[in-house]
Protein backbone atom coordinates (compact mmCIF):
# COMPACT_ATOMS: atom_id res chain seq x y z
CA MET A 1 -3.47 12.49 -4.40
CA ALA A 2 -6.76 11.42 -2.79
CA TRP A 3 -7.18 8.60 -5.32
CA ILE A 4 -3.70 7.27 -4.56
CA VAL A 5 -4.49 7.33 -0.84
CA LEU A 6 -7.78 5.55 -1.56
CA VAL A 7 -5.93 2.78 -3.41
CA ILE A 8 -3.57 2.48 -0.41
CA ALA A 9 -6.66 2.22 1.82
CA GLY A 10 -7.88 -0.63 -0.38
CA ILE A 11 -4.54 -2.41 -0.07
CA PHE A 12 -4.74 -2.14 3.72
CA GLU A 13 -8.31 -3.46 3.44
CA ILE A 14 -6.95 -6.57 1.73
CA MET A 15 -4.23 -6.92 4.36
CA TRP A 16 -6.58 -6.81 7.31
CA ALA A 17 -9.09 -9.16 5.72
CA VAL A 18 -6.36 -11.74 5.07
CA GLY A 19 -4.86 -11.07 8.50
CA LEU A 20 -8.23 -11.69 10.12
CA LYS A 21 -8.10 -15.28 8.89
CA HIS A 22 -4.85 -15.78 10.81
CA THR A 23 -5.97 -14.24 14.12
CA GLU A 24 -8.05 -17.31 15.00
CA GLY A 25 -10.73 -15.17 16.62
CA PHE A 26 -8.18 -12.65 17.90
CA THR A 27 -6.57 -15.32 20.07
CA ARG A 28 -3.13 -15.00 18.39
CA LEU A 29 -1.27 -11.85 19.46
CA TRP A 30 0.87 -10.85 16.47
CA PRO A 31 -1.64 -11.64 13.74
CA SER A 32 -4.20 -9.67 15.79
CA VAL A 33 -1.84 -6.70 16.17
CA PHE A 34 -1.09 -6.75 12.43
CA THR A 35 -4.79 -6.99 11.57
CA LEU A 36 -5.83 -4.15 13.88
CA GLY A 37 -3.00 -1.97 12.55
CA ALA A 38 -4.04 -2.63 8.97
CA MET A 39 -7.67 -1.85 9.89
CA TRP A 40 -6.64 1.46 11.43
CA ALA A 41 -4.48 2.37 8.41
CA SER A 42 -7.26 1.43 6.00
CA PHE A 43 -9.84 3.58 7.79
CA ALA A 44 -7.38 6.49 8.17
CA CYS A 45 -6.57 6.47 4.45
CA LEU A 46 -10.25 6.18 3.54
CA SER A 47 -11.06 9.08 5.85
CA TYR A 48 -8.39 11.24 4.20
CA SER A 49 -9.64 10.43 0.71
CA LEU A 50 -13.19 11.43 1.69
CA LYS A 51 -12.03 15.04 1.94
CA THR A 52 -12.13 15.31 -1.86
CA ILE A 53 -13.68 12.15 -3.33
CA PRO A 54 -17.48 11.80 -3.10
CA MET A 55 -18.43 9.42 -0.30
CA GLY A 56 -20.35 6.96 -2.47
CA ASN A 57 -17.53 6.64 -4.98
CA ALA A 58 -14.82 6.37 -2.33
CA TYR A 59 -16.66 3.72 -0.33
CA ALA A 60 -17.53 1.67 -3.41
CA VAL A 61 -13.95 1.79 -4.71
CA TRP A 62 -12.51 1.00 -1.27
CA THR A 63 -14.71 -2.04 -0.75
CA GLY A 64 -14.26 -3.07 -4.39
CA ILE A 65 -10.48 -3.07 -4.10
CA GLY A 66 -10.81 -5.09 -0.91
CA ALA A 67 -13.24 -7.59 -2.43
CA VAL A 68 -11.21 -8.11 -5.61
CA GLY A 69 -7.93 -8.27 -3.71
CA VAL A 70 -9.17 -10.78 -1.16
CA ALA A 71 -10.72 -12.91 -3.91
CA ILE A 72 -7.39 -12.96 -5.77
CA VAL A 73 -5.46 -13.78 -2.58
CA GLY A 74 -7.93 -16.58 -1.91
CA ILE A 75 -7.37 -18.01 -5.37
CA VAL A 76 -3.59 -17.65 -5.35
CA TRP A 77 -2.67 -18.48 -1.74
CA PHE A 78 -5.60 -20.48 -0.40
CA ASN A 79 -6.45 -22.55 -3.49
CA GLU A 80 -10.00 -21.25 -3.71
CA LEU A 81 -12.11 -21.89 -6.80
CA ALA A 82 -11.00 -19.93 -9.90
CA ASP A 83 -13.56 -20.88 -12.53
CA ILE A 84 -14.62 -18.59 -15.36
CA ARG A 85 -17.79 -17.43 -13.58
CA ARG A 86 -15.87 -16.24 -10.53
CA ILE A 87 -13.21 -14.53 -12.65
CA ALA A 88 -15.96 -12.83 -14.70
CA CYS A 89 -17.65 -11.54 -11.56
CA ILE A 90 -14.34 -10.21 -10.24
CA GLY A 91 -13.86 -8.52 -13.62
CA LEU A 92 -17.25 -6.83 -13.28
CA ILE A 93 -16.22 -5.40 -9.91
CA VAL A 94 -13.00 -4.07 -11.47
CA LEU A 95 -15.04 -2.56 -14.30
CA GLY A 96 -17.25 -0.83 -11.74
CA ILE A 97 -14.23 0.57 -9.88
CA VAL A 98 -12.74 1.92 -13.11
CA GLY A 99 -16.11 3.36 -14.11
CA LEU A 100 -16.48 5.21 -10.81
CA LYS A 101 -13.00 6.68 -11.19
CA LEU A 102 -13.70 7.79 -14.75
CA LEU A 103 -17.03 9.37 -13.79
CA ASP A 104 -15.68 11.16 -10.71
CA SER A 105 -15.72 14.90 -11.21
CA GLY A 106 -13.35 15.37 -8.26
CA THR A 107 -15.79 17.64 -6.44
CA PRO A 108 -18.21 16.68 -3.67
CA ALA A 109 -21.92 16.79 -4.47
CA ALA A 110 -23.71 19.93 -3.33
């Protein structure tokens, strides 16, 4: 269950990062409200997942999901560069996320 909540935290991470672009320095009310709500939800889900997932793994996966997600949103919605080097680097981040999940023993370090 903690891993599912961690993925949800990563999705909220993507949402607030994209929302931040639309706040215009927190001068627009509704984009700012959305962004702050997504931030809160992301941190709350991350905090819950830290009860059972080791901190280093959880934080790396959370930021990795956010980084990959925002990069993909940038490519798809904001016409950012999508050359092979960038895609390869995004793939390496995904590989790292999968590796951390596969190596996780499910128990906190002593």
